[in-house]
Amino acid sequence: MPNLKEVRNRITSVQSTQQITSAMKMVSAAKLRRAQDAITQMRPYAQKLREILENLSASLDSTEGVYSRQREVKNVLFVVITSNRGLCGGFNANVIKRTTRAIRENYPTAKVSYITIGKKGGDFFRKTPYTAALPELGSLNVLFDKLTFVNTAPVAEAIMKAFAEGQYDKVLLVYNQFKNAAVQVTQAEQFLPVVPTASANASSKTDYIFEPEKAEIVQDLIPRSLKTQLYKALLDSHASEHGARMTAMHKATDNAKELLRSLRISYNKARQAAITNEILEIVGGAEALKG
């Protein structure tokens, strides 16, 4: 049985950890509220814009649809969105596993490049044989410090330019989609080329009236929609991170509470054993004096 000092030290250590995890849970809960509001407001706009983009892409010819061109997939770019910090359960591991599985199963012979947004993803992929893409963008981990559409647009523009120039034949986003504080769904979403709306019946596609000319719409709407899709993915990941961290810290706090209960039982048993030994020694000494 451990001595009293060892148990007291463990109790003190667990109490300190419990205070930290409880504080981190409250901080994540406060940040989650803001992040959840941001993605909730953005999602309907992004989904509608994506729908318009897909319908518009279906009506473009090969010269107009520079972002819709289907090529043989020889060069694939993965945009991997993780977090800058840990202590958020399987949040980062799920994205990394989904990316590596997609590479292994879907693109075993293609040349794979990657862009990481988030320190944890960068730390992992630097140790892999895959190629870091678009180094001129620098570190993108700072995007989460001030996550705005204006700050993320240059990243989308650089990816779109590289695709249009033929550097990459397909671009995929891998990130955690926010459902609620306890549930995040890992997504591997095609970013480029834009896939036209799949429909067996062409008449079911939405018929848009273009004003001004369709060419002008193409030049403005498609790039704007793609920038919005990347921004939405970042907002989803940002909200998912705080939800995952809040849940992980809640579980850690509960586990610390359970461990403290067990340690206090052990401490009481050790204290009772020590007292019993002292009583036995006193009684033994007294009997020896009588003898």
Foldseek 3Di string as FASTA:
>chain_A
DDALVVLVVVLVVLVVVLVVLVVLLVVLVVLLVVLVVVLVVLVVVLVVLLLVLQLLLVPDDPVLQLQQDADDFQEEEEEQEAAQDDLQPCFNVVLVVVVVVCCVPPPVRHQYEYHYAYNVVVVVCVPPPHHHPDCVVPHNPCCVVPPDLVVQLVVLVVVSVCVSVPVGNWYWYWAWADDDLQDTHTDTGTLTSRHHDDDPDPVVRDDDDDPPDSSVCSVPSNSVSSSSVVSSRNSRRSSNRSSSNSVSSVVSSVVSVVVSVVSVVVSVVSVVVVVVVVVVVVVVVVVVVVD
